Every structure is written in C-alpha cells, then in structure tokens.
Amino acid sequence: MSFDLVDEPWIPVQRGGQQATVSLREAIIEAHAIDDLAPPRPTMVPALLRQVLLPVVIDALDVPRSEDAWAARWTSGRFDAGEIDGYLDRHRDRFDLFHPTKPFAQVGGLASTTGETKPSSLLVPSVASGNNVPLFSARLESEPPALSPPEAALWLLHTHCWDTAAIKTGAEGDPRVKRGKTTGNPTGPLGQFEAVIPMGRSLFDTLLLNTPIHPDGLPAGDRPHWRADPADATWEERPPHGLLDLLTWQSRRIRLFPSHGADGPVVREVLVCAGDRLEANHDLEPHAAWRRNPRPRANQPPVTPRRPRAGRRAWQGLDALLALNPPPDGEAEASALIRQAGDLLEVLGEDYPLRVLTAGVLYGNQSAVVDHVVADLMPLPVAALRQEQAAWELLVGVVTQTHYLSLALNGLHAELRRARGGEPVPWDRGQRPDAELIQRLDLQVRRLLTGLQEQPERDEEAEWAWQEAAHREVWRLAERMLDAVPPTAFAGREDPAGNRVHRPANAEAFFRAQVAKTLPNRGDPPPTLKEAS
C-alpha cells in the first residue's frame, strides 16, 4: 500500500471561504491563495506547521538571515514554485505514509516485544483507549476507528507533538525495555508549554510569520527527519541539532499498520513506542512564551516555558504575550516570533490583521491522560508589539484592570455572604462571580482588539470605550448581587472574633471605590468623540 503525502490531498484548509483538502505540494506552492489551515482539531495547526510545512519551506529555501531578507520574501507574496517542486521531488520517497521500509515520520518494521499491536484510538485523545476513556464516549477500545490515510497522517503528526507521558509499549530492539514496557517518557514537545502561533491573512503569511530569522543560518548538521537516516527502535536524550531538528522532533517511535477498507487503505492498528526525549529549548524554541525565575530552586532552570491554564482566554495572558522587553528579573518573556513581528512592524504595517492562536494540553494522572485541550484565536494589533506604543500600554492595562475588577467583584460577593451569616465560596470549589464577568468582558476585549487593529491611531477613544463597557458589565453583576440581599442582612453580622461587623452598605462602598480606582479614565469622552457627536 502507498499514500504519497506530496501529491495526495490530506491537509484540510480554507480557501475562498470554502473547506478543501490539498496535498503538501499544493499547500505550499498555493499558500498565497489559501486562507488558513482548517484541521478538525486546533492542536493540529501547530503540528502541521512544525512537523511538515515550515520545515519544507525552510529547508528548501533556507532560513532568512536578516530582516531585509525576510522582508524581500514577504514582499514577493508567494513561494518559489520551482524550488519547492524540486525539493519535494528529490525527497518524495520519504513522504510515503505507508512505505515498507521508511514510512513518513515512522519506523519501518517496528514491532513490540510481545508481537502485539494497539488500536488506532491510541492516536486520538478523544477516543477511548486504555486509561484515557473520555466521558460520554459511545466507542469501546475494542472498536477502534478506521482512520483514512489523511486522518492517520494528521493524528500521526499530532501524536509526535502532544502525546501523553508515562508508560509506552516496549519496542523490539530497544535496549531500555523492561518487562515489555518503556517508562519515564515525557509528553510530546508541545505538551510542555502553551504554543503561541502567529497567524496571517493567508497561509503564505502564516508560514512567514512563523519563520524565525537566523543571522548565522542553520548549523551544518541540522536537517528534518526525512533527510536523516531512517530511525530505528532505539532512542536517545539529546538537545536538538538546530531549528529543523526541533520542528520535526520524533518524540515517539510509531508505526501505522494499514489494511484494506471499502474505499482504500485504512488504519486500525498502530504501535506507539518511546522516542527521543527533549526539554523546551529557550534559545531555539520559537513558539513558547517564557517565565523567568529570579531565584530558581535547585535543579530548576532560570527560564521555563509558560504552560496553559484551563478556562483562561488568550487575552487574559496579553501581559505575558506582550512582555517584549522584560527586565533581567522579570517574570514573563514573549515568544521569539511575537518579538520578531514587533521588529518587523514597518514591513507588516500597523493595520495588518495579525491573529494569534494559543493552544495547549493539560494532562492528568502523571501526564498519562488528557484532561483539557485549551485553544483560543484572537486578533492582535501590530501597533501593540512595541512597548513605546500607546496600544501596548492600553492592552496591558486591560489585563490588569480585568484582574482587579475580578478581585473587587469576588470581594463584594464574599462580604455579602458574610453579612448574611455565611462563609465565602472557597477559591477551589464552586462558582465565583468573576467567571461570569470574564465571559461578559470577552466580547468587549475582542471588539477592542479588532478596533485597534483596524484603526490604531484611535487609542484614546478605544480606552474610553473599554472602560465604559467594563464599568457597565461589572456593575450589572454587582447590582444583581446587591438586589438579592435580604432586609435582615442590612444590620450586618459580627465576625466570630468580634472585631468587625460585615454590612452590605460597607461592602458596596468599598466595591465602588475599587472600581473607580481601577477605571479612572471613564466619564467624559475624549475630544475626538465629542467633536464627532
């Protein structure tokens, strides 16, 4: 059996507002005419970019060595079809998904020490497999999905990036197998941080926005896995040889077992064994934001990648996303690609419709199961990518103000419960009012981001409109809580220690003062709005 990833359609995209599936060759050569990648899972976007699309473009055309070289490629508006065609034709045999000896991103002839295989559901986190049994799943592990070649290719790349940790099937020929298993496996490389992916108005733009500038070029030994010797069952712990090695990192030894289906090959059986082990590399990793540790503990690196948080919108992390020039002892540092986009502001233009996809996986039970998948796509004004710009100060202020409004609202809620003789809701249990506030403010923040993107010069009006909207939403929730206070609570309740009386009136007054301090610029609209009215 054979499935040629170079010319067979397998990459889901959006083109002209319509869903389509294209080959690897078409995805790159026609990237300027393709709106976006459109796989069935958002976590497949970074997997496609890192494992295939970016490495092909960089390896075929070389990495830009200066901002001028990057700008020249950007201005050209499309990739050189002759260079891409020649590159893919030279390496076509390594892009066969079912090649008998060197299948793409797999190990030909890989076998377990017991001779057994696993169901294809092992590649798909949302399908029952071993201990990873999603709630409300109607499929049993004994009924694995029949993956078509395009589906199998997507989940293969996804597994290399996001696979769970812990025990993996022992591979025949792996000297570190014990009792048919390999233990101590970390998650896939992207599972160790929240991926920050800049997205453009076309796939061409997205690929360039994700192409880092390397003044010294790439090391001589750096290459993608399809230009290296085919892997075998052995694996190692090592740093990456360079950018191409990092992007196409083979974190698992995998083999797909195709069989004949009604409409062609299908994959129902797989093997997923231990692969090369890697830690996030601060100097090389382009898609991670970072947290600096001023006083790292023993065996803790001074800089660690930022991890995703469940229930958190991407804009709530704008302060870290826009930490472009952190002080040496600062807590946050933006990703290399976001900082690079700020350096290229004159090339992009302040009104360029930049978007940022943040994607991450939260694991549970020793990282052996998937608990949550976190993904969000938001517009990001290019004008905010330099700290001296007013847009940067405004967006960082939005995050800070949202934080303090949440604290004020939760404090009012807690104090009103005390005034009624109750206790505040514990921070780790129950629903607190700030969750609804964030939900209400989400639309307001996204409108603000879009407006600043289209008209960055109207930052004063944008700030006034934001603070008006934030004030309105936080008071809607506060008034609902105040209206629910019974008359019996107006006299207040004394705390058990007898040091304080909790009264609704005092709680309201304190809340009012906190909101006024947090939103100081609301009230009279700026002169430009007055003139327009």
Protein backbone atom coordinates (compact mmCIF):
# COMPACT_ATOMS: atom_id res chain seq x y z
CA MET A 1 0.00 0.00 0.00
CA SER A 2 1.07 3.59 -0.58
CA PHE A 3 -0.10 7.12 0.21
CA ASP A 4 2.01 9.93 -1.25
CA LEU A 5 1.79 12.97 1.04
CA VAL A 6 3.45 15.13 -1.62
CA ASP A 7 0.63 14.93 -4.18
CA GLU A 8 -2.30 13.19 -2.49
CA PRO A 9 -4.79 15.58 -0.79
CA TRP A 10 -4.65 15.28 3.00
CA ILE A 11 -4.19 18.78 4.52
CA PRO A 12 -7.53 20.46 5.45
CA VAL A 13 -7.59 24.16 4.53
CA GLN A 14 -9.98 27.01 3.97
CA ARG A 15 -9.75 28.58 0.54
CA GLY A 16 -12.07 31.28 -0.76
CA GLY A 17 -14.34 30.76 2.25
CA GLN A 18 -14.77 27.05 1.41
CA GLN A 19 -13.37 23.94 3.06
CA ALA A 20 -10.92 21.98 0.92
CA THR A 21 -8.25 19.31 1.21
CA VAL A 22 -4.92 19.81 -0.53
CA SER A 23 -1.61 17.99 -0.97
CA LEU A 24 1.64 19.09 0.63
CA ARG A 25 2.86 20.47 -2.71
CA GLU A 26 -0.32 22.47 -3.27
CA ALA A 27 -0.43 23.75 0.32
CA ILE A 28 2.97 25.42 -0.08
CA ILE A 29 3.00 26.50 -3.72
CA GLU A 30 -0.57 27.84 -3.49
CA ALA A 31 -0.17 29.12 0.07
CA HIS A 32 -0.81 32.72 -1.03
CA ALA A 33 -4.28 31.67 -2.29
CA ILE A 34 -5.17 29.61 0.81
CA ASP A 35 -6.87 31.48 3.65
CA ASP A 36 -5.98 29.23 6.54
CA LEU A 37 -5.35 25.74 7.84
CA ALA A 38 -8.62 24.12 8.88
CA PRO A 39 -7.96 20.75 10.57
CA PRO A 40 -10.61 19.13 12.77
CA ARG A 41 -8.71 19.98 15.98
CA PRO A 42 -6.99 23.32 16.75
CA THR A 43 -3.98 21.48 18.21
CA MET A 44 -3.34 20.07 14.73
CA VAL A 45 -2.46 23.55 13.43
CA PRO A 46 0.90 23.78 15.25
CA ALA A 47 1.52 20.09 14.47
CA LEU A 48 1.08 20.67 10.72
CA LEU A 49 3.16 23.84 10.78
CA ARG A 50 6.03 22.41 12.80
CA GLN A 51 6.20 18.83 11.58
CA VAL A 52 5.79 19.44 7.82
CA LEU A 53 5.01 22.85 6.34
CA LEU A 54 7.62 25.08 7.99
CA PRO A 55 10.50 22.57 7.72
CA VAL A 56 9.86 22.04 3.99
CA VAL A 57 9.81 25.80 3.33
CA ILE A 58 12.90 26.49 5.46
CA ASP A 59 14.88 23.51 4.17
CA ALA A 60 14.01 24.21 0.53
CA LEU A 61 14.50 27.99 0.57
CA ASP A 62 16.90 28.43 3.53
CA VAL A 63 16.19 30.49 6.61
CA PRO A 64 16.17 34.31 6.32
CA ARG A 65 19.40 35.74 7.71
CA SER A 66 18.29 39.36 8.11
CA GLU A 67 15.16 41.47 8.37
CA ASP A 68 15.77 42.65 4.80
CA ALA A 69 15.85 39.04 3.55
CA TRP A 70 12.65 38.28 5.43
CA ALA A 71 11.00 41.44 4.07
CA ALA A 72 12.03 40.55 0.49
CA ARG A 73 10.38 37.14 0.83
CA TRP A 74 7.29 38.78 2.35
CA THR A 75 7.06 41.30 -0.48
CA SER A 76 7.32 38.57 -3.14
CA GLY A 77 3.91 37.35 -2.00
CA ARG A 78 4.43 33.66 -2.81
CA PHE A 79 6.97 30.86 -2.57
CA ASP A 80 9.21 29.91 -5.48
CA ALA A 81 7.31 27.04 -7.12
CA GLY A 82 10.42 25.69 -8.88
CA GLU A 83 12.39 25.43 -5.64
CA ILE A 84 9.51 23.76 -3.77
CA ASP A 85 8.79 21.34 -6.65
CA GLY A 86 12.43 20.32 -6.93
CA TYR A 87 12.78 19.80 -3.18
CA LEU A 88 9.65 17.66 -2.84
CA ASP A 89 10.54 15.57 -5.91
CA ARG A 90 14.03 14.87 -4.51
CA HIS A 91 12.62 13.60 -1.21
CA ARG A 92 9.34 12.11 -2.44
CA ASP A 93 10.17 8.56 -1.28
CA ARG A 94 10.40 9.79 2.35
CA PHE A 95 6.89 11.26 2.19
CA ASP A 96 5.11 7.95 1.62
CA LEU A 97 2.89 7.28 4.63
CA PHE A 98 2.95 3.50 4.11
CA HIS A 99 6.42 2.93 2.64
CA PRO A 100 7.52 -0.62 3.57
CA THR A 101 10.95 0.35 4.97
CA LYS A 102 10.95 4.13 5.56
CA PRO A 103 7.37 5.34 6.11
CA PHE A 104 6.92 9.07 6.81
CA ALA A 105 7.55 10.02 10.47
CA GLN A 106 7.57 6.35 11.45
CA VAL A 107 9.89 3.39 11.91
CA GLY A 108 9.57 0.73 9.24
CA GLY A 109 9.37 -2.76 10.68
CA LEU A 110 8.74 -1.50 14.22
CA ALA A 111 7.42 -4.32 16.40
CA SER A 112 6.61 -4.72 20.08
CA THR A 113 8.49 -7.21 22.23
CA THR A 114 5.26 -9.21 22.56
CA GLY A 115 4.34 -9.03 18.88
CA GLU A 116 1.07 -7.23 19.74
CA THR A 117 -0.29 -4.04 18.23
CA LYS A 118 -2.56 -1.36 19.69
CA PRO A 119 -5.85 0.05 18.40
CA SER A 120 -5.72 3.21 16.29
CA SER A 121 -7.62 5.03 19.05
CA LEU A 122 -4.23 5.36 20.79
CA LEU A 123 -3.53 8.27 18.41
CA VAL A 124 -6.83 10.05 19.09
CA PRO A 125 -7.16 11.51 22.62
CA SER A 126 -10.94 11.94 22.30
CA VAL A 127 -11.50 8.20 21.68
CA ALA A 128 -11.47 5.51 24.38
CA SER A 129 -8.03 3.92 24.72
CA GLY A 130 -6.63 2.19 27.81
CA ASN A 131 -6.87 4.56 30.79
CA ASN A 132 -7.78 7.50 28.57
CA VAL A 133 -11.56 6.99 28.39
CA PRO A 134 -13.44 10.25 27.69
CA LEU A 135 -16.77 10.87 29.37
CA PHE A 136 -19.86 10.21 27.26
CA SER A 137 -17.87 8.24 24.64
CA ALA A 138 -20.01 5.62 22.92
CA ARG A 139 -17.00 3.85 21.37
CA LEU A 140 -15.23 0.96 23.11
CA GLU A 141 -11.50 0.31 22.95
CA SER A 142 -12.28 -2.96 21.17
CA GLU A 143 -13.89 -0.96 18.35
CA PRO A 144 -11.11 1.35 17.15
CA PRO A 145 -11.84 3.91 14.43
CA ALA A 146 -10.86 3.06 10.87
CA LEU A 147 -8.64 6.05 10.06
CA SER A 148 -8.35 7.05 6.42
CA PRO A 149 -4.82 7.88 5.23
CA PRO A 150 -5.39 11.67 5.58
CA GLU A 151 -6.79 11.19 9.10
CA ALA A 152 -3.95 8.85 10.05
CA ALA A 153 -1.37 11.37 8.80
CA LEU A 154 -2.89 14.19 10.86
CA TRP A 155 -3.08 12.13 14.04
CA LEU A 156 0.44 10.80 13.48
CA LEU A 157 1.83 14.35 13.50
CA HIS A 158 -0.41 15.28 16.42
CA THR A 159 0.97 12.37 18.45
CA HIS A 160 4.57 13.42 17.86
CA CYS A 161 3.69 16.86 19.26
CA TRP A 162 1.15 16.22 22.03
CA ASP A 163 1.30 12.55 23.10
CA THR A 164 0.72 11.69 26.75
CA ALA A 165 3.60 10.72 29.03
CA ALA A 166 4.44 7.69 31.21
CA ILE A 167 4.44 4.07 30.01
CA LYS A 168 4.83 3.19 26.32
CA THR A 169 4.89 -0.13 24.54
CA GLY A 170 8.35 -1.71 24.54
CA ALA A 171 9.84 -1.94 21.06
CA GLU A 172 11.85 -4.91 19.81
CA GLY A 173 15.46 -3.71 19.60
CA ASP A 174 15.16 -1.03 22.28
CA PRO A 175 17.82 -1.89 24.91
CA ARG A 176 15.97 0.03 27.62
CA VAL A 177 12.78 -2.03 27.52
CA LYS A 178 11.81 -3.68 30.80
CA ARG A 179 9.02 -6.24 31.01
CA GLY A 180 7.71 -5.21 27.63
CA LYS A 181 7.42 -1.51 28.52
CA THR A 182 9.41 1.72 28.48
CA THR A 183 8.79 4.07 31.41
CA GLY A 184 9.64 7.67 32.19
CA ASN A 185 8.51 9.07 28.84
CA PRO A 186 7.73 12.82 28.90
CA THR A 187 4.84 14.30 26.98
CA GLY A 188 5.36 15.35 23.38
CA PRO A 189 7.38 18.57 22.98
CA LEU A 190 4.34 20.85 22.62
CA GLY A 191 2.77 19.29 25.70
CA GLN A 192 5.42 21.04 27.79
CA PHE A 193 4.17 24.57 27.06
CA GLU A 194 1.39 26.65 25.55
CA ALA A 195 2.12 27.10 21.85
CA VAL A 196 1.85 30.70 20.60
CA ILE A 197 1.26 30.69 16.83
CA PRO A 198 1.10 33.97 14.86
CA MET A 199 -1.45 33.72 12.03
CA GLY A 200 -1.72 35.92 8.93
CA ARG A 201 -4.30 36.75 6.27
CA SER A 202 -3.16 33.76 4.16
CA LEU A 203 -1.26 30.52 4.67
CA PHE A 204 1.72 32.15 2.96
CA ASP A 205 1.69 34.95 5.52
CA THR A 206 1.29 32.46 8.38
CA LEU A 207 4.27 30.42 7.22
CA LEU A 208 6.47 33.50 7.00
CA LEU A 209 5.26 34.86 10.36
CA ASN A 210 6.37 31.52 11.84
CA THR A 211 9.76 31.58 10.12
CA PRO A 212 12.42 32.90 12.51
CA ILE A 213 15.34 35.00 11.30
CA HIS A 214 18.72 33.34 11.98
CA PRO A 215 21.61 35.72 11.19
CA ASP A 216 24.16 32.87 11.15
CA GLY A 217 21.94 30.45 9.21
CA LEU A 218 21.32 26.90 10.39
CA PRO A 219 24.00 24.51 11.68
CA ALA A 220 25.53 22.16 9.13
CA GLY A 221 24.11 19.07 10.83
CA ASP A 222 20.57 20.43 11.15
CA ARG A 223 18.02 18.66 8.99
CA PRO A 224 14.41 17.39 9.12
CA HIS A 225 13.87 13.70 9.82
CA TRP A 226 13.17 12.92 6.15
CA ARG A 227 16.72 13.95 5.24
CA ALA A 228 18.26 11.90 8.04
CA ASP A 229 18.83 8.17 8.15
CA PRO A 230 15.59 6.29 8.87
CA ALA A 231 15.09 5.88 12.61
CA ASP A 232 15.09 2.52 14.36
CA ALA A 233 13.68 1.36 17.69
CA THR A 234 16.46 2.94 19.75
CA TRP A 235 16.04 6.44 21.12
CA GLU A 236 18.15 9.00 22.96
CA GLU A 237 18.07 12.05 25.16
CA ARG A 238 19.79 14.96 23.44
CA PRO A 239 19.47 18.64 22.57
CA PRO A 240 18.23 19.44 19.06
CA HIS A 241 20.83 19.89 16.33
CA GLY A 242 19.04 23.04 15.18
CA LEU A 243 15.70 24.52 14.20
CA LEU A 244 14.76 21.87 11.61
CA ASP A 245 15.57 19.06 14.03
CA LEU A 246 13.49 20.74 16.73
CA LEU A 247 10.45 21.32 14.49
CA THR A 248 10.37 17.72 13.21
CA TRP A 249 11.31 16.13 16.54
CA GLN A 250 10.39 12.45 16.66
CA SER A 251 9.16 12.18 20.23
CA ARG A 252 7.79 8.69 19.62
CA ARG A 253 8.67 5.64 17.56
CA ILE A 254 5.43 4.96 15.68
CA ARG A 255 4.22 2.54 13.05
CA LEU A 256 0.87 2.56 11.28
CA PHE A 257 -0.50 -0.79 10.11
CA PRO A 258 -2.73 -0.21 7.06
CA SER A 259 -5.34 -2.68 5.92
CA HIS A 260 -7.80 -2.81 3.04
CA GLY A 261 -11.06 -0.93 3.55
CA ALA A 262 -14.11 -0.49 1.35
CA ASP A 263 -12.71 2.72 -0.19
CA GLY A 264 -8.99 2.08 0.07
CA PRO A 265 -6.41 1.76 2.87
CA VAL A 266 -7.49 2.31 6.47
CA VAL A 267 -5.54 2.24 9.74
CA ARG A 268 -6.99 0.29 12.65
CA GLU A 269 -3.77 -0.83 14.34
CA VAL A 270 -0.72 1.13 15.45
CA LEU A 271 2.34 0.97 17.65
CA VAL A 272 3.44 3.95 19.75
CA CYS A 273 6.77 3.37 21.49
CA ALA A 274 9.34 5.52 23.27
CA GLY A 275 11.04 8.20 21.17
CA ASP A 276 13.70 10.86 21.53
CA ARG A 277 13.40 12.97 24.68
CA LEU A 278 13.68 16.73 24.67
CA GLU A 279 13.20 19.64 27.05
CA ALA A 280 11.96 23.04 25.87
CA ASN A 281 14.94 24.97 24.49
CA HIS A 282 14.82 28.68 25.32
CA ASP A 283 17.44 29.72 22.76
CA LEU A 284 15.85 27.82 19.88
CA GLU A 285 12.13 27.28 20.56
CA PRO A 286 10.13 29.85 18.52
CA HIS A 287 6.60 29.09 19.74
CA ALA A 288 6.85 29.33 23.52
CA ALA A 289 6.40 32.28 25.86
CA TRP A 290 8.63 32.12 28.91
CA ARG A 291 8.66 32.75 32.63
CA ARG A 292 11.86 33.90 34.26
CA ASN A 293 12.67 32.59 37.73
CA PRO A 294 14.69 35.28 39.60
CA ARG A 295 15.65 32.79 42.31
CA PRO A 296 15.42 29.30 40.79
CA ARG A 297 15.43 26.35 43.13
CA ALA A 298 17.94 23.52 42.87
CA ASN A 299 17.74 21.71 39.50
CA GLN A 300 15.31 24.36 38.20
CA PRO A 301 16.31 26.26 35.04
CA PRO A 302 16.31 30.07 35.22
CA VAL A 303 13.78 30.27 32.38
CA THR A 304 10.81 27.91 31.96
CA PRO A 305 8.07 27.86 29.30
CA ARG A 306 4.64 29.14 30.18
CA ARG A 307 2.01 26.42 30.43
CA PRO A 308 -1.69 26.65 29.52
CA ARG A 309 -4.40 27.23 32.12
CA ALA A 310 -7.90 25.79 31.88
CA GLY A 311 -10.71 28.30 31.45
CA ARG A 312 -8.41 31.18 30.61
CA ARG A 313 -8.94 33.29 27.48
CA ALA A 314 -5.91 34.13 25.38
CA TRP A 315 -6.34 37.86 26.02
CA GLN A 316 -6.04 37.30 29.77
CA GLY A 317 -2.39 36.47 29.10
CA LEU A 318 -1.70 39.56 26.98
CA ASP A 319 0.62 40.94 29.64
CA ALA A 320 2.88 37.90 29.16
CA LEU A 321 2.28 37.68 25.42
CA LEU A 322 3.41 41.31 25.09
CA ALA A 323 6.37 41.11 27.51
CA LEU A 324 8.62 42.27 24.68
CA ASN A 325 11.48 43.84 26.67
CA PRO A 326 11.42 42.17 30.09
CA PRO A 327 13.89 43.29 32.76
CA PRO A 328 16.53 40.70 33.77
CA ASP A 329 14.48 39.69 36.81
CA GLY A 330 11.07 39.97 35.11
CA GLU A 331 8.53 37.20 35.31
CA ALA A 332 7.45 36.97 31.66
CA GLU A 333 9.05 36.97 28.24
CA ALA A 334 7.19 36.96 24.92
CA SER A 335 7.83 34.26 22.34
CA ALA A 336 10.61 34.82 19.81
CA LEU A 337 8.16 35.09 16.91
CA ILE A 338 5.99 37.71 18.62
CA ARG A 339 9.09 39.78 19.37
CA GLN A 340 10.23 39.33 15.77
CA ALA A 341 6.86 40.54 14.47
CA GLY A 342 7.34 43.71 16.55
CA ASP A 343 10.76 44.24 14.96
CA LEU A 344 9.10 43.95 11.53
CA LEU A 345 6.33 46.44 12.30
CA GLU A 346 7.28 48.74 9.39
CA VAL A 347 7.19 45.79 6.98
CA LEU A 348 3.82 44.50 8.20
CA GLY A 349 2.14 47.88 8.70
CA GLU A 350 0.23 48.90 11.83
CA ASP A 351 -3.14 47.86 10.34
CA TYR A 352 -2.07 44.32 9.37
CA PRO A 353 -4.74 41.78 10.53
CA LEU A 354 -2.45 39.67 12.71
CA ARG A 355 -4.04 36.91 14.76
CA VAL A 356 -2.55 34.71 17.45
CA LEU A 357 -3.53 31.10 18.13
CA THR A 358 -2.71 29.81 21.59
CA ALA A 359 -3.00 26.05 22.03
CA GLY A 360 -2.09 23.70 24.84
CA VAL A 361 -2.96 20.43 26.53
CA LEU A 362 -3.49 19.92 30.25
CA TYR A 363 -2.65 16.40 31.39
CA GLY A 364 -3.75 14.50 34.46
CA ASN A 365 -2.67 11.43 36.47
CA GLN A 366 1.10 11.76 35.98
CA SER A 367 0.52 13.26 32.50
CA ALA A 368 -0.70 9.86 31.27
CA VAL A 369 -4.19 11.11 30.30
CA VAL A 370 -5.55 14.24 28.68
CA ASP A 371 -7.72 16.38 30.99
CA HIS A 372 -8.26 19.51 28.90
CA VAL A 373 -7.41 20.90 25.50
CA VAL A 374 -7.08 24.69 25.58
CA ALA A 375 -7.16 26.72 22.36
CA ASP A 376 -8.08 30.30 21.52
CA LEU A 377 -7.69 32.54 18.48
CA MET A 378 -7.66 36.30 18.91
CA PRO A 379 -6.75 39.39 16.86
CA LEU A 380 -3.56 41.12 17.98
CA PRO A 381 -2.90 44.75 16.93
CA VAL A 382 0.55 45.03 15.39
CA ALA A 383 0.78 48.51 16.91
CA ALA A 384 0.93 46.86 20.35
CA LEU A 385 4.10 44.93 19.50
CA ARG A 386 6.36 47.75 20.67
CA GLN A 387 6.34 48.83 24.28
CA GLU A 388 6.69 52.52 23.45
CA GLN A 389 3.35 52.44 21.61
CA ALA A 390 0.12 53.62 23.28
CA ALA A 391 -1.65 50.44 22.10
CA TRP A 392 0.79 48.29 24.11
CA GLU A 393 0.09 50.23 27.31
CA LEU A 394 -3.66 50.06 26.69
CA LEU A 395 -3.75 46.26 26.21
CA VAL A 396 -1.53 45.52 29.20
CA GLY A 397 -3.80 47.84 31.19
CA VAL A 398 -6.87 45.89 30.08
CA VAL A 399 -5.43 42.70 31.59
CA THR A 400 -4.54 44.47 34.85
CA GLN A 401 -7.93 46.18 35.10
CA THR A 402 -9.79 42.93 34.44
CA HIS A 403 -7.79 41.28 37.22
CA TYR A 404 -8.64 44.00 39.77
CA LEU A 405 -12.30 44.13 38.73
CA SER A 406 -12.47 40.38 39.28
CA LEU A 407 -10.95 40.75 42.75
CA ALA A 408 -13.38 43.55 43.59
CA LEU A 409 -16.40 41.56 42.43
CA ASN A 410 -15.33 38.43 44.28
CA GLY A 411 -14.66 40.53 47.38
CA LEU A 412 -18.15 42.04 47.22
CA HIS A 413 -19.65 38.57 46.85
CA ALA A 414 -17.70 37.26 49.84
CA GLU A 415 -18.58 40.23 52.04
CA LEU A 416 -22.29 40.00 51.21
CA ARG A 417 -22.26 36.31 52.14
CA ARG A 418 -20.64 37.18 55.48
CA ALA A 419 -23.27 39.88 56.07
CA ARG A 420 -25.93 37.21 55.65
CA GLY A 421 -24.21 34.91 58.15
CA GLY A 422 -22.49 32.66 55.61
CA GLU A 423 -18.95 31.99 54.51
CA PRO A 424 -17.23 32.97 51.24
CA VAL A 425 -17.08 30.42 48.41
CA PRO A 426 -13.71 28.58 48.62
CA TRP A 427 -11.34 29.55 45.80
CA ASP A 428 -11.02 25.93 44.59
CA ARG A 429 -14.73 24.99 44.77
CA GLY A 430 -17.96 26.40 43.49
CA GLN A 431 -18.63 29.19 41.03
CA ARG A 432 -17.45 32.70 41.78
CA PRO A 433 -18.84 35.79 40.03
CA ASP A 434 -15.59 36.68 38.27
CA ALA A 435 -16.15 33.72 35.89
CA GLU A 436 -19.29 35.40 34.55
CA LEU A 437 -17.53 38.75 34.44
CA ILE A 438 -14.76 37.33 32.23
CA GLN A 439 -17.39 35.82 29.96
CA ARG A 440 -19.16 39.19 29.65
CA LEU A 441 -15.91 41.07 29.03
CA ASP A 442 -14.67 38.61 26.41
CA LEU A 443 -16.69 40.18 23.59
CA GLN A 444 -15.71 43.69 24.71
CA VAL A 445 -11.99 42.86 24.66
CA ARG A 446 -12.19 41.21 21.25
CA ARG A 447 -14.01 44.26 19.88
CA LEU A 448 -11.25 46.42 21.36
CA LEU A 449 -8.53 44.29 19.75
CA THR A 450 -10.22 44.37 16.35
CA GLY A 451 -10.79 48.12 16.54
CA LEU A 452 -7.16 48.82 17.48
CA GLN A 453 -6.05 46.56 14.66
CA GLU A 454 -8.04 48.47 12.06
CA GLN A 455 -7.52 52.00 13.48
CA PRO A 456 -4.55 52.01 15.88
CA GLU A 457 -4.47 55.81 15.99
CA ARG A 458 -7.79 55.90 17.89
CA ASP A 459 -6.30 54.50 21.09
CA GLU A 460 -7.77 57.22 23.37
CA GLU A 461 -11.29 56.51 22.14
CA ALA A 462 -10.69 52.78 22.43
CA GLU A 463 -9.57 53.12 26.06
CA TRP A 464 -12.59 55.25 26.96
CA ALA A 465 -14.99 52.80 25.26
CA TRP A 466 -13.35 49.83 27.01
CA GLN A 467 -13.56 51.39 30.46
CA GLU A 468 -17.21 52.37 29.89
CA ALA A 469 -18.04 48.80 28.85
CA ALA A 470 -16.08 47.25 31.73
CA HIS A 471 -17.79 49.57 34.23
CA ARG A 472 -21.21 48.69 32.85
CA GLU A 473 -20.63 44.93 32.96
CA VAL A 474 -19.11 44.78 36.43
CA TRP A 475 -21.92 46.89 37.89
CA ARG A 476 -24.59 44.75 36.24
CA LEU A 477 -23.29 41.78 38.18
CA ALA A 478 -22.78 43.78 41.37
CA GLU A 479 -26.31 45.19 41.32
CA ARG A 480 -27.73 41.73 40.85
CA MET A 481 -25.93 40.58 44.00
CA LEU A 482 -26.93 43.68 45.96
CA ASP A 483 -30.58 43.29 44.95
CA ALA A 484 -30.55 39.75 46.31
CA VAL A 485 -29.52 40.82 49.83
CA PRO A 486 -32.49 40.30 52.20
CA PRO A 487 -33.58 43.13 54.56
CA THR A 488 -32.48 41.04 57.54
CA ALA A 489 -28.85 41.42 56.43
CA PHE A 490 -28.76 45.24 56.38
CA ALA A 491 -27.87 45.43 60.07
CA GLY A 492 -24.85 43.26 59.35
CA ARG A 493 -23.23 40.32 61.09
CA GLU A 494 -20.38 40.35 63.56
CA ASP A 495 -17.49 38.07 62.74
CA PRO A 496 -16.69 35.23 65.17
CA ALA A 497 -13.74 37.14 66.66
CA GLY A 498 -15.95 40.14 67.38
CA ASN A 499 -13.53 42.52 65.64
CA ARG A 500 -15.69 43.58 62.73
CA VAL A 501 -19.29 43.90 61.57
CA HIS A 502 -19.94 42.88 57.96
CA ARG A 503 -22.57 45.21 56.47
CA PRO A 504 -23.82 45.31 52.83
CA ALA A 505 -23.51 49.11 52.79
CA ASN A 506 -19.83 48.96 53.70
CA ALA A 507 -19.23 46.23 51.14
CA GLU A 508 -20.88 48.32 48.42
CA ALA A 509 -18.90 51.43 49.33
CA PHE A 510 -15.61 49.54 49.24
CA PHE A 511 -16.53 47.93 45.93
CA ARG A 512 -17.48 51.31 44.45
CA ALA A 513 -14.12 52.78 45.47
CA GLN A 514 -12.19 49.85 44.00
CA VAL A 515 -13.98 50.09 40.65
CA ALA A 516 -13.42 53.85 40.47
CA LYS A 517 -9.72 53.39 41.19
CA THR A 518 -9.39 50.61 38.60
CA LEU A 519 -11.22 52.52 35.83
CA PRO A 520 -10.05 56.13 36.25
CA ASN A 521 -10.49 57.30 32.64
CA ARG A 522 -14.20 56.74 32.17
CA GLY A 523 -16.66 59.64 32.28
CA ASP A 524 -16.28 62.41 29.73
CA PRO A 525 -15.46 61.01 26.27
CA PRO A 526 -12.21 62.12 24.59
CA PRO A 527 -12.31 65.31 22.45
CA THR A 528 -12.43 63.39 19.17
CA LEU A 529 -15.68 61.68 20.20
CA LYS A 530 -17.17 64.96 21.44
CA GLU A 531 -16.42 66.60 18.10
CA ALA A 532 -17.94 63.67 16.20
CA SER A 533 -21.14 63.91 18.22
